[in-house]
PDB file of N, CA and C in Angstrom:
ATOM      1  N   UNK A   1       0.946  -1.245  -0.176  1.00  0.00           N
ATOM      2  CA  UNK A   1       0.045   0.118   0.017  1.00  0.00           C
ATOM      3  C   UNK A   1       0.909   1.295  -0.058  1.00  0.00           C
ATOM      4  N   UNK A   2       0.505   2.262  -0.916  1.00  0.00           N
ATOM      5  CA  UNK A   2       1.542   3.306  -0.888  1.00  0.00           C
ATOM      6  C   UNK A   2       1.045   4.310   0.719  1.00  0.00           C
ATOM      7  N   UNK A   3       1.951   4.963   0.874  1.00  0.00           N
ATOM      8  CA  UNK A   3       2.230   5.656   1.959  1.00  0.00           C
ATOM      9  C   UNK A   3       1.429   7.031   1.666  1.00  0.00           C
ATOM     10  N   UNK A   4       1.541   7.511   0.499  1.00  0.00           N
ATOM     11  CA  UNK A   4       0.707   8.616   0.032  1.00  0.00           C
ATOM     12  C   UNK A   4       0.498   8.884  -1.404  1.00  0.00           C
ATOM     13  N   UNK A   5      -0.771   9.245  -1.471  1.00  0.00           N
ATOM     14  CA  UNK A   5      -1.337   9.366  -2.873  1.00  0.00           C
ATOM     15  C   UNK A   5      -1.744  10.691  -3.105  1.00  0.00           C
ATOM     16  N   UNK A   6      -1.156  11.384  -4.160  1.00  0.00           N
ATOM     17  CA  UNK A   6      -1.618  12.659  -4.447  1.00  0.00           C
ATOM     18  C   UNK A   6      -1.805  12.827  -5.974  1.00  0.00           C
ATOM     19  N   UNK A   7      -2.719  13.690  -6.179  1.00  0.00           N
ATOM     20  CA  UNK A   7      -3.106  14.077  -7.522  1.00  0.00           C
ATOM     21  C   UNK A   7      -2.729  15.496  -7.653  1.00  0.00           C
ATOM     22  N   UNK A   8      -1.626  15.561  -8.823  1.00  0.00           N
ATOM     23  CA  UNK A   8      -1.137  16.854  -9.164  1.00  0.00           C
ATOM     24  C   UNK A   8      -1.123  17.250 -10.666  1.00  0.00           C
ATOM     25  N   UNK A   9      -0.802  18.324 -10.904  1.00  0.00           N
ATOM     26  CA  UNK A   9      -0.961  18.841 -12.300  1.00  0.00           C
ATOM     27  C   UNK A   9      -2.258  18.969 -12.644  1.00  0.00           C
ATOM     28  N   UNK A  10      -3.359  19.497 -11.909  1.00  0.00           N
ATOM     29  CA  UNK A  10      -4.586  19.761 -12.231  1.00  0.00           C
ATOM     30  C   UNK A  10      -5.119  18.264 -12.801  1.00  0.00           C
ATOM     31  N   UNK A  11      -4.780  17.171 -12.162  1.00  0.00           N
ATOM     32  CA  UNK A  11      -5.304  15.805 -12.422  1.00  0.00           C
ATOM     33  C   UNK A  11      -4.538  15.273 -13.342  1.00  0.00           C
ATOM     34  N   UNK A  12      -3.404  15.645 -14.036  1.00  0.00           N
ATOM     35  CA  UNK A  12      -2.530  15.166 -14.985  1.00  0.00           C
ATOM     36  C   UNK A  12      -1.692  13.998 -14.471  1.00  0.00           C
ATOM     37  N   UNK A  13      -1.506  13.727 -13.084  1.00  0.00           N
ATOM     38  CA  UNK A  13      -0.506  12.834 -12.632  1.00  0.00           C
ATOM     39  C   UNK A  13      -1.100  12.225 -11.249  1.00  0.00           C
ATOM     40  N   UNK A  14      -0.808  10.968 -11.169  1.00  0.00           N
ATOM     41  CA  UNK A  14      -1.056  10.459  -9.917  1.00  0.00           C
ATOM     42  C   UNK A  14       0.426  10.134  -9.314  1.00  0.00           C
ATOM     43  N   UNK A  15       0.588  10.798  -7.954  1.00  0.00           N
ATOM     44  CA  UNK A  15       1.920  10.439  -7.440  1.00  0.00           C
ATOM     45  C   UNK A  15       1.738   9.439  -6.186  1.00  0.00           C
ATOM     46  N   UNK A  16       2.636   8.590  -6.269  1.00  0.00           N
ATOM     47  CA  UNK A  16       2.513   7.590  -5.201  1.00  0.00           C
ATOM     48  C   UNK A  16       3.972   7.381  -4.334  1.00  0.00           C
ATOM     49  N   UNK A  17       3.964   7.399  -3.099  1.00  0.00           N
ATOM     50  CA  UNK A  17       5.308   7.409  -2.283  1.00  0.00           C
ATOM     51  C   UNK A  17       5.005   5.906  -1.387  1.00  0.00           C
ATOM     52  N   UNK A  18       6.226   5.203  -1.757  1.00  0.00           N
ATOM     53  CA  UNK A  18       6.385   3.899  -0.879  1.00  0.00           C
ATOM     54  C   UNK A  18       7.421   3.920  -0.091  1.00  0.00           C
ATOM     55  N   UNK A  19       7.376   3.417   1.079  1.00  0.00           N
ATOM     56  CA  UNK A  19       8.752   3.491   1.929  1.00  0.00           C
ATOM     57  C   UNK A  19       9.305   4.800   2.325  1.00  0.00           C
ATOM     58  N   UNK A  20       8.389   5.850   2.182  1.00  0.00           N
ATOM     59  CA  UNK A  20       9.074   7.146   2.512  1.00  0.00           C
ATOM     60  C   UNK A  20       9.959   7.855   1.564  1.00  0.00           C
ATOM     61  N   UNK A  21      10.394   7.088   0.459  1.00  0.00           N
ATOM     62  CA  UNK A  21      11.259   7.755  -0.499  1.00  0.00           C
ATOM     63  C   UNK A  21      11.198   7.150  -1.876  1.00  0.00           C
ATOM     64  N   UNK A  22      10.401   6.072  -2.083  1.00  0.00           N
ATOM     65  CA  UNK A  22      10.186   5.532  -3.166  1.00  0.00           C
ATOM     66  C   UNK A  22       9.299   6.187  -3.931  1.00  0.00           C
ATOM     67  N   UNK A  23       9.359   7.072  -4.965  1.00  0.00           N
ATOM     68  CA  UNK A  23       8.301   7.987  -5.531  1.00  0.00           C
ATOM     69  C   UNK A  23       7.818   7.521  -7.000  1.00  0.00           C
ATOM     70  N   UNK A  24       6.819   7.617  -7.426  1.00  0.00           N
ATOM     71  CA  UNK A  24       6.257   7.217  -8.883  1.00  0.00           C
ATOM     72  C   UNK A  24       5.511   8.288  -9.170  1.00  0.00           C
ATOM     73  N   UNK A  25       5.355   8.683 -10.398  1.00  0.00           N
ATOM     74  CA  UNK A  25       4.378   9.687 -11.074  1.00  0.00           C
ATOM     75  C   UNK A  25       3.937   8.828 -12.238  1.00  0.00           C
ATOM     76  N   UNK A  26       2.690   8.558 -11.984  1.00  0.00           N
ATOM     77  CA  UNK A  26       1.895   7.937 -13.299  1.00  0.00           C
ATOM     78  C   UNK A  26       0.965   8.885 -13.820  1.00  0.00           C
ATOM     79  N   UNK A  27       1.088   9.143 -15.224  1.00  0.00           N
ATOM     80  CA  UNK A  27       0.358  10.153 -16.060  1.00  0.00           C
ATOM     81  C   UNK A  27      -1.115   9.527 -15.971  1.00  0.00           C
ATOM     82  N   UNK A  28      -2.127  10.511 -15.905  1.00  0.00           N
ATOM     83  CA  UNK A  28      -3.432  10.101 -15.972  1.00  0.00           C
ATOM     84  C   UNK A  28      -3.807   9.375 -17.248  1.00  0.00           C
ATOM     85  N   UNK A  29      -3.036   9.606 -18.462  1.00  0.00           N
ATOM     86  CA  UNK A  29      -3.465   8.864 -19.603  1.00  0.00           C
ATOM     87  C   UNK A  29      -2.929   7.393 -19.263  1.00  0.00           C
ATOM     88  N   UNK A  30      -1.861   7.251 -18.713  1.00  0.00           N
ATOM     89  CA  UNK A  30      -1.231   5.871 -18.526  1.00  0.00           C
ATOM     90  C   UNK A  30      -2.276   4.922 -17.764  1.00  0.00           C
ATOM     91  N   UNK A  31      -2.658   5.500 -16.694  1.00  0.00           N
ATOM     92  CA  UNK A  31      -3.650   4.963 -15.831  1.00  0.00           C
ATOM     93  C   UNK A  31      -4.982   4.701 -16.537  1.00  0.00           C
ATOM     94  N   UNK A  32      -5.450   5.817 -17.366  1.00  0.00           N
ATOM     95  CA  UNK A  32      -6.733   5.466 -18.007  1.00  0.00           C
ATOM     96  C   UNK A  32      -6.820   4.514 -18.937  1.00  0.00           C
ATOM     97  N   UNK A  33      -5.626   4.377 -19.806  1.00  0.00           N
ATOM     98  CA  UNK A  33      -5.617   3.349 -20.906  1.00  0.00           C
ATOM     99  C   UNK A  33      -5.448   1.994 -20.498  1.00  0.00           C
ATOM    100  N   UNK A  34      -4.876   1.798 -19.218  1.00  0.00           N
ATOM    101  CA  UNK A  34      -4.344   0.514 -18.642  1.00  0.00           C
ATOM    102  C   UNK A  34      -5.386   0.440 -17.556  1.00  0.00           C
ATOM    103  N   UNK A  35      -6.624   0.805 -17.704  1.00  0.00           N
ATOM    104  CA  UNK A  35      -7.746   0.434 -16.493  1.00  0.00           C
ATOM    105  C   UNK A  35      -7.809  -0.983 -16.441  1.00  0.00           C
ATOM    106  N   UNK A  36      -8.167  -1.355 -15.389  1.00  0.00           N
ATOM    107  CA  UNK A  36      -8.526  -2.722 -14.900  1.00  0.00           C
ATOM    108  C   UNK A  36      -9.675  -3.043 -14.983  1.00  0.00           C
ATOM    109  N   UNK A  37     -10.544  -2.182 -15.647  1.00  0.00           N
ATOM    110  CA  UNK A  37     -12.003  -2.494 -15.840  1.00  0.00           C
ATOM    111  C   UNK A  37     -12.256  -3.263 -17.123  1.00  0.00           C
ATOM    112  N   UNK A  38     -13.545  -3.675 -17.053  1.00  0.00           N
ATOM    113  CA  UNK A  38     -13.927  -4.875 -18.114  1.00  0.00           C
ATOM    114  C   UNK A  38     -13.812  -4.102 -19.662  1.00  0.00           C
ATOM    115  N   UNK A  39     -14.094  -2.846 -19.609  1.00  0.00           N
ATOM    116  CA  UNK A  39     -13.949  -1.884 -20.879  1.00  0.00           C
ATOM    117  C   UNK A  39     -12.606  -2.264 -21.531  1.00  0.00           C
ATOM    118  N   UNK A  40     -11.349  -2.363 -20.809  1.00  0.00           N
ATOM    119  CA  UNK A  40     -10.174  -2.597 -21.383  1.00  0.00           C
ATOM    120  C   UNK A  40      -9.942  -4.158 -21.577  1.00  0.00           C
ATOM    121  N   UNK A  41      -9.969  -4.741 -20.314  1.00  0.00           N
ATOM    122  CA  UNK A  41      -9.507  -6.246 -20.054  1.00  0.00           C
ATOM    123  C   UNK A  41     -10.754  -7.130 -20.468  1.00  0.00           C
ATOM    124  N   UNK A  42     -11.912  -6.694 -20.660  1.00  0.00           N
ATOM    125  CA  UNK A  42     -12.926  -7.732 -20.957  1.00  0.00           C
ATOM    126  C   UNK A  42     -13.308  -8.528 -19.624  1.00  0.00           C
ATOM    127  N   UNK A  43     -14.254  -9.683 -19.779  1.00  0.00           N
ATOM    128  CA  UNK A  43     -14.510 -10.148 -18.763  1.00  0.00           C
ATOM    129  C   UNK A  43     -13.921 -11.495 -18.891  1.00  0.00           C
ATOM    130  N   UNK A  44     -13.292 -11.710 -17.772  1.00  0.00           N
ATOM    131  CA  UNK A  44     -12.658 -13.042 -17.546  1.00  0.00           C
ATOM    132  C   UNK A  44     -11.391 -13.107 -18.832  1.00  0.00           C
ATOM    133  N   UNK A  45     -10.826 -12.014 -19.154  1.00  0.00           N
ATOM    134  CA  UNK A  45      -9.760 -11.979 -20.067  1.00  0.00           C
ATOM    135  C   UNK A  45     -10.261 -12.024 -21.493  1.00  0.00           C
ATOM    136  N   UNK A  46     -11.611 -12.088 -21.771  1.00  0.00           N
ATOM    137  CA  UNK A  46     -12.139 -12.013 -23.125  1.00  0.00           C
ATOM    138  C   UNK A  46     -13.050 -10.871 -23.278  1.00  0.00           C
ATOM    139  N   UNK A  47     -12.680 -10.365 -24.758  1.00  0.00           N
ATOM    140  CA  UNK A  47     -13.572  -9.213 -25.170  1.00  0.00           C
ATOM    141  C   UNK A  47     -12.941  -7.690 -24.733  1.00  0.00           C
ATOM    142  N   UNK A  48     -11.810  -7.806 -24.202  1.00  0.00           N
ATOM    143  CA  UNK A  48     -11.203  -6.366 -24.017  1.00  0.00           C
ATOM    144  C   UNK A  48     -10.622  -5.695 -25.190  1.00  0.00           C
ATOM    145  N   UNK A  49     -10.431  -4.308 -25.318  1.00  0.00           N
ATOM    146  CA  UNK A  49     -10.109  -3.529 -26.181  1.00  0.00           C
ATOM    147  C   UNK A  49      -9.057  -2.557 -25.909  1.00  0.00           C
ATOM    148  N   UNK A  50      -8.340  -2.277 -26.923  1.00  0.00           N
ATOM    149  CA  UNK A  50      -7.390  -1.210 -26.667  1.00  0.00           C
ATOM    150  C   UNK A  50      -7.970   0.179 -26.539  1.00  0.00           C
ATOM    151  N   UNK A  51      -7.828   0.965 -25.559  1.00  0.00           N
ATOM    152  CA  UNK A  51      -8.365   2.326 -25.258  1.00  0.00           C
ATOM    153  C   UNK A  51      -7.511   3.253 -25.743  1.00  0.00           C
ATOM    154  N   UNK A  52      -8.088   4.129 -26.778  1.00  0.00           N
ATOM    155  CA  UNK A  52      -7.427   5.048 -27.545  1.00  0.00           C
ATOM    156  C   UNK A  52      -8.173   6.378 -27.253  1.00  0.00           C
ATOM    157  N   UNK A  53      -7.314   7.336 -27.795  1.00  0.00           N
ATOM    158  CA  UNK A  53      -7.871   8.832 -27.733  1.00  0.00           C
ATOM    159  C   UNK A  53      -8.014   9.478 -26.223  1.00  0.00           C
ATOM    160  N   UNK A  54      -7.262   9.121 -25.447  1.00  0.00           N
ATOM    161  CA  UNK A  54      -7.253   9.504 -24.025  1.00  0.00           C
ATOM    162  C   UNK A  54      -5.933  10.541 -23.720  1.00  0.00           C
ATOM    163  N   UNK A  55      -5.365  11.095 -24.715  1.00  0.00           N
ATOM    164  CA  UNK A  55      -4.025  12.059 -24.454  1.00  0.00           C
ATOM    165  C   UNK A  55      -4.221  13.048 -23.393  1.00  0.00           C
ATOM    166  N   UNK A  56      -5.588  13.588 -23.457  1.00  0.00           N
ATOM    167  CA  UNK A  56      -5.749  14.821 -22.692  1.00  0.00           C
ATOM    168  C   UNK A  56      -6.680  14.457 -21.384  1.00  0.00           C
ATOM    169  N   UNK A  57      -6.842  13.095 -21.061  1.00  0.00           N
ATOM    170  CA  UNK A  57      -7.690  12.858 -19.908  1.00  0.00           C
ATOM    171  C   UNK A  57      -6.933  13.032 -18.573  1.00  0.00           C
ATOM    172  N   UNK A  58      -7.800  13.538 -17.487  1.00  0.00           N
ATOM    173  CA  UNK A  58      -7.322  13.823 -16.301  1.00  0.00           C
ATOM    174  C   UNK A  58      -7.923  13.179 -15.182  1.00  0.00           C
ATOM    175  N   UNK A  59      -7.399  13.030 -14.021  1.00  0.00           N
ATOM    176  CA  UNK A  59      -8.035  12.514 -12.913  1.00  0.00           C
ATOM    177  C   UNK A  59      -8.829  13.494 -12.301  1.00  0.00           C
ATOM    178  N   UNK A  60     -10.092  13.205 -12.038  1.00  0.00           N
ATOM    179  CA  UNK A  60     -11.153  14.112 -11.547  1.00  0.00           C
ATOM    180  C   UNK A  60     -11.317  13.571 -10.124  1.00  0.00           C
ATOM    181  N   UNK A  61     -11.136  12.442  -9.486  1.00  0.00           N
ATOM    182  CA  UNK A  61     -11.072  12.060  -8.182  1.00  0.00           C
ATOM    183  C   UNK A  61     -10.580  10.695  -7.893  1.00  0.00           C
ATOM    184  N   UNK A  62     -10.396  10.555  -6.580  1.00  0.00           N
ATOM    185  CA  UNK A  62      -9.809   9.295  -6.114  1.00  0.00           C
ATOM    186  C   UNK A  62     -10.673   9.056  -4.896  1.00  0.00           C
ATOM    187  N   UNK A  63     -10.997   7.587  -4.944  1.00  0.00           N
ATOM    188  CA  UNK A  63     -12.132   7.255  -3.750  1.00  0.00           C
ATOM    189  C   UNK A  63     -11.414   5.777  -3.273  1.00  0.00           C
ATOM    190  N   UNK A  64     -11.140   5.834  -1.956  1.00  0.00           N
ATOM    191  CA  UNK A  64     -10.889   4.598  -1.322  1.00  0.00           C
ATOM    192  C   UNK A  64     -11.840   3.437  -1.366  1.00  0.00           C
ATOM    193  N   UNK A  65     -11.267   2.185  -1.623  1.00  0.00           N
ATOM    194  CA  UNK A  65     -12.071   0.974  -1.910  1.00  0.00           C
ATOM    195  C   UNK A  65     -11.520  -0.010  -0.791  1.00  0.00           C
ATOM    196  N   UNK A  66     -12.466  -0.228   0.158  1.00  0.00           N
ATOM    197  CA  UNK A  66     -11.834  -0.947   1.379  1.00  0.00           C
ATOM    198  C   UNK A  66     -10.452  -0.709   1.693  1.00  0.00           C
ATOM    199  N   UNK A  67      -9.674  -1.495   2.146  1.00  0.00           N
ATOM    200  CA  UNK A  67      -8.179  -1.439   2.303  1.00  0.00           C
ATOM    201  C   UNK A  67      -7.418  -2.165   1.386  1.00  0.00           C
ATOM    202  N   UNK A  68      -7.929  -2.296   0.319  1.00  0.00           N
ATOM    203  CA  UNK A  68      -6.997  -3.003  -0.752  1.00  0.00           C
ATOM    204  C   UNK A  68      -6.994  -2.092  -2.115  1.00  0.00           C
ATOM    205  N   UNK A  69      -7.712  -0.920  -2.064  1.00  0.00           N
ATOM    206  CA  UNK A  69      -7.449  -0.397  -3.554  1.00  0.00           C
ATOM    207  C   UNK A  69      -8.069   0.958  -3.520  1.00  0.00           C
ATOM    208  N   UNK A  70      -7.999   1.563  -4.627  1.00  0.00           N
ATOM    209  CA  UNK A  70      -8.615   2.898  -4.874  1.00  0.00           C
ATOM    210  C   UNK A  70      -9.256   3.091  -6.230  1.00  0.00           C
ATOM    211  N   UNK A  71     -10.476   3.703  -6.200  1.00  0.00           N
ATOM    212  CA  UNK A  71     -11.191   3.952  -7.657  1.00  0.00           C
ATOM    213  C   UNK A  71     -10.826   5.250  -8.022  1.00  0.00           C
ATOM    214  N   UNK A  72     -10.366   5.233  -9.506  1.00  0.00           N
ATOM    215  CA  UNK A  72      -9.921   6.536 -10.103  1.00  0.00           C
ATOM    216  C   UNK A  72     -11.227   7.015 -11.113  1.00  0.00           C
ATOM    217  N   UNK A  73     -11.452   8.318 -10.806  1.00  0.00           N
ATOM    218  CA  UNK A  73     -12.521   8.759 -11.469  1.00  0.00           C
ATOM    219  C   UNK A  73     -11.956   9.981 -12.624  1.00  0.00           C
ATOM    220  N   UNK A  74     -12.212   9.655 -13.771  1.00  0.00           N
ATOM    221  CA  UNK A  74     -11.386  10.449 -14.762  1.00  0.00           C
ATOM    222  C   UNK A  74     -12.334  11.459 -15.502  1.00  0.00           C
ATOM    223  N   UNK A  75     -11.785  12.568 -15.925  1.00  0.00           N
ATOM    224  CA  UNK A  75     -12.746  13.568 -16.393  1.00  0.00           C
ATOM    225  C   UNK A  75     -13.492  13.243 -17.603  1.00  0.00           C
ATOM    226  N   UNK A  76     -13.407  12.115 -18.150  1.00  0.00           N
ATOM    227  CA  UNK A  76     -13.990  11.524 -19.378  1.00  0.00           C
ATOM    228  C   UNK A  76     -15.272  10.647 -19.056  1.00  0.00           C
ATOM    229  N   UNK A  77     -15.467  10.603 -17.840  1.00  0.00           N
ATOM    230  CA  UNK A  77     -16.490   9.795 -17.451  1.00  0.00           C
ATOM    231  C   UNK A  77     -16.288   8.533 -16.993  1.00  0.00           C
ATOM    232  N   UNK A  78     -15.117   7.909 -16.909  1.00  0.00           N
ATOM    233  CA  UNK A  78     -14.914   6.648 -16.588  1.00  0.00           C
ATOM    234  C   UNK A  78     -14.579   6.474 -15.196  1.00  0.00           C
ATOM    235  N   UNK A  79     -14.987   5.731 -14.567  1.00  0.00           N
ATOM    236  CA  UNK A  79     -15.054   5.524 -13.165  1.00  0.00           C
ATOM    237  C   UNK A  79     -15.166   3.894 -12.546  1.00  0.00           C
ATOM    238  N   UNK A  80     -14.856   3.002 -13.449  1.00  0.00           N
ATOM    239  CA  UNK A  80     -15.318   1.635 -13.064  1.00  0.00           C
ATOM    240  C   UNK A  80     -14.004   0.908 -12.784  1.00  0.00           C
ATOM    241  N   UNK A  81     -12.855   1.517 -12.927  1.00  0.00           N
ATOM    242  CA  UNK A  81     -11.578   0.649 -12.826  1.00  0.00           C
ATOM    243  C   UNK A  81     -11.187   0.635 -11.337  1.00  0.00           C
ATOM    244  N   UNK A  82     -11.272  -0.494 -10.558  1.00  0.00           N
ATOM    245  CA  UNK A  82     -10.646  -0.462  -9.246  1.00  0.00           C
ATOM    246  C   UNK A  82      -9.111  -1.087  -9.261  1.00  0.00           C
ATOM    247  N   UNK A  83      -8.408   0.142  -9.124  1.00  0.00           N
ATOM    248  CA  UNK A  83      -6.862  -0.233  -8.840  1.00  0.00           C
ATOM    249  C   UNK A  83      -6.443  -0.660  -7.468  1.00  0.00           C
ATOM    250  N   UNK A  84      -6.151  -1.971  -7.450  1.00  0.00           N
ATOM    251  CA  UNK A  84      -5.706  -2.440  -6.203  1.00  0.00           C
ATOM    252  C   UNK A  84      -4.140  -2.173  -5.975  1.00  0.00           C
ATOM    253  N   UNK A  85      -3.869  -2.311  -4.791  1.00  0.00           N
ATOM    254  CA  UNK A  85      -2.588  -1.902  -4.211  1.00  0.00           C
ATOM    255  C   UNK A  85      -1.337  -2.794  -5.272  1.00  0.00           C
ATOM    256  N   UNK A  86      -1.704  -4.141  -5.362  1.00  0.00           N
ATOM    257  CA  UNK A  86      -0.808  -4.663  -6.147  1.00  0.00           C
ATOM    258  C   UNK A  86      -0.770  -4.318  -7.344  1.00  0.00           C
ATOM    259  N   UNK A  87      -2.082  -4.079  -8.201  1.00  0.00           N
ATOM    260  CA  UNK A  87      -2.016  -3.542  -9.391  1.00  0.00           C
ATOM    261  C   UNK A  87      -1.399  -2.246  -9.659  1.00  0.00           C
ATOM    262  N   UNK A  88      -1.594  -1.150  -8.765  1.00  0.00           N
ATOM    263  CA  UNK A  88      -0.811   0.253  -8.816  1.00  0.00           C
ATOM    264  C   UNK A  88       0.597  -0.016  -8.627  1.00  0.00           C
ATOM    265  N   UNK A  89       1.257  -1.098  -7.785  1.00  0.00           N
ATOM    266  CA  UNK A  89       2.631  -1.464  -7.893  1.00  0.00           C
ATOM    267  C   UNK A  89       3.200  -1.729  -9.030  1.00  0.00           C
ATOM    268  N   UNK A  90       2.441  -2.865  -9.682  1.00  0.00           N
ATOM    269  CA  UNK A  90       2.899  -3.229 -10.958  1.00  0.00           C
ATOM    270  C   UNK A  90       2.971  -2.123 -12.094  1.00  0.00           C
ATOM    271  N   UNK A  91       2.161  -1.208 -11.935  1.00  0.00           N
ATOM    272  CA  UNK A  91       1.797  -0.183 -13.155  1.00  0.00           C
ATOM    273  C   UNK A  91       3.316   0.748 -12.590  1.00  0.00           C
ATOM    274  N   UNK A  92       3.659   0.863 -11.459  1.00  0.00           N
ATOM    275  CA  UNK A  92       4.761   1.635 -11.112  1.00  0.00           C
ATOM    276  C   UNK A  92       6.083   0.920 -11.570  1.00  0.00           C
ATOM    277  N   UNK A  93       6.367  -0.066 -11.082  1.00  0.00           N
ATOM    278  CA  UNK A  93       7.303  -1.006 -11.383  1.00  0.00           C
ATOM    279  C   UNK A  93       7.488  -1.374 -13.015  1.00  0.00           C
ATOM    280  N   UNK A  94       6.561  -1.392 -13.775  1.00  0.00           N
ATOM    281  CA  UNK A  94       6.427  -1.796 -15.256  1.00  0.00           C
ATOM    282  C   UNK A  94       6.034  -0.584 -16.210  1.00  0.00           C
ATOM    283  N   UNK A  95       6.283   0.563 -15.627  1.00  0.00           N
ATOM    284  CA  UNK A  95       5.533   1.730 -16.417  1.00  0.00           C
ATOM    285  C   UNK A  95       6.415   1.568 -17.802  1.00  0.00           C
ATOM    286  N   UNK A  96       7.849   1.770 -18.077  1.00  0.00           N
ATOM    287  CA  UNK A  96       8.202   1.883 -19.345  1.00  0.00           C
ATOM    288  C   UNK A  96       7.849   0.670 -20.164  1.00  0.00           C
ATOM    289  N   UNK A  97       7.911  -0.462 -19.898  1.00  0.00           N
ATOM    290  CA  UNK A  97       7.577  -1.502 -20.699  1.00  0.00           C
ATOM    291  C   UNK A  97       6.069  -1.488 -21.023  1.00  0.00           C
ATOM    292  N   UNK A  98       5.111  -1.391 -19.892  1.00  0.00           N
ATOM    293  CA  UNK A  98       3.631  -1.457 -20.073  1.00  0.00           C
ATOM    294  C   UNK A  98       3.322  -0.098 -21.258  1.00  0.00           C
ATOM    295  N   UNK A  99       4.015   0.826 -21.169  1.00  0.00           N
ATOM    296  CA  UNK A  99       3.644   2.131 -21.807  1.00  0.00           C
ATOM    297  C   UNK A  99       3.885   1.740 -23.290  1.00  0.00           C
ATOM    298  N   UNK A 100       5.331   1.184 -23.554  1.00  0.00           N
ATOM    299  CA  UNK A 100       5.705   0.802 -24.930  1.00  0.00           C
ATOM    300  C   UNK A 100       4.823  -0.191 -25.561  1.00  0.00           C
ATOM    301  N   UNK A 101       4.349  -1.097 -24.869  1.00  0.00           N
ATOM    302  CA  UNK A 101       3.631  -2.227 -25.216  1.00  0.00           C
ATOM    303  C   UNK A 101       2.104  -1.811 -25.855  1.00  0.00           C
ATOM    304  N   UNK A 102       1.653  -0.724 -24.879  1.00  0.00           N
ATOM    305  CA  UNK A 102       0.508   0.123 -25.407  1.00  0.00           C
ATOM    306  C   UNK A 102       0.695   0.920 -26.606  1.00  0.00           C
ATOM    307  N   UNK A 103       1.764   1.570 -26.735  1.00  0.00           N
ATOM    308  CA  UNK A 103       1.999   2.592 -27.907  1.00  0.00           C
ATOM    309  C   UNK A 103       2.135   1.614 -29.133  1.00  0.00           C
ATOM    310  N   UNK A 104       2.694   0.483 -28.953  1.00  0.00           N
ATOM    311  CA  UNK A 104       3.038  -0.741 -30.040  1.00  0.00           C
ATOM    312  C   UNK A 104       1.632  -1.080 -30.553  1.00  0.00           C
ATOM    313  N   UNK A 105       0.792  -1.497 -29.480  1.00  0.00           N
ATOM    314  CA  UNK A 105      -0.686  -1.839 -29.833  1.00  0.00           C
ATOM    315  C   UNK A 105      -1.393  -0.958 -30.509  1.00  0.00           C
ATOM    316  N   UNK A 106      -1.268   0.206 -30.174  1.00  0.00           N
ATOM    317  CA  UNK A 106      -1.894   1.505 -30.884  1.00  0.00           C
ATOM    318  C   UNK A 106      -1.294   1.670 -32.283  1.00  0.00           C
ATOM    319  N   UNK A 107      -0.119   1.416 -32.573  1.00  0.00           N
ATOM    320  CA  UNK A 107       0.422   1.585 -33.871  1.00  0.00           C
ATOM    321  C   UNK A 107      -0.174   0.327 -34.774  1.00  0.00           C
ATOM    322  N   UNK A 108      -0.199  -0.871 -34.002  1.00  0.00           N
ATOM    323  CA  UNK A 108      -0.700  -1.909 -34.892  1.00  0.00           C
ATOM    324  C   UNK A 108      -2.042  -1.938 -35.238  1.00  0.00           C
ATOM    325  N   UNK A 109      -2.785  -1.095 -34.555  1.00  0.00           N
ATOM    326  CA  UNK A 109      -4.226  -1.155 -34.837  1.00  0.00           C
ATOM    327  C   UNK A 109      -4.593   0.139 -35.496  1.00  0.00           C
ATOM    328  N   UNK A 110      -3.742   0.944 -35.829  1.00  0.00           N
ATOM    329  CA  UNK A 110      -3.820   2.433 -36.456  1.00  0.00           C
ATOM    330  C   UNK A 110      -4.612   3.316 -35.597  1.00  0.00           C
ATOM    331  N   UNK A 111      -4.459   3.196 -34.467  1.00  0.00           N
ATOM    332  CA  UNK A 111      -5.135   4.063 -33.371  1.00  0.00           C
ATOM    333  C   UNK A 111      -4.327   5.202 -32.969  1.00  0.00           C
ATOM    334  N   UNK A 112      -4.741   6.110 -32.327  1.00  0.00           N
ATOM    335  CA  UNK A 112      -3.964   7.450 -31.618  1.00  0.00           C
ATOM    336  C   UNK A 112      -4.149   7.490 -30.278  1.00  0.00           C
ATOM    337  N   UNK A 113      -3.308   7.965 -29.766  1.00  0.00           N
ATOM    338  CA  UNK A 113      -3.536   8.530 -28.276  1.00  0.00           C
ATOM    339  C   UNK A 113      -4.636   9.524 -28.124  1.00  0.00           C
TER     340      UNK A 113
END
């Protein structure tokens, strides 16, 4: 679980602090396109799709979900993704690889950010 969660840049970035000094800045677009919701992941891994056109999206709110996650509310109306602590940590640690895979997926499908 992060020790600190803060939205900065008028909703452009979610900042997470672990262990007092380990910090991560996750762009809203990154979090939105990698949403854990059924929109992108599908149901049981079937039927997901690549989320595109979110370059200007912002985080409008953050709500706690029990003691295990947060729900991010985006200014495009999306609010169904539950970001567990484990998933957030994965997004932090694997950000370069996950972002590149997303960009490659967009290019392969002829989609734009």
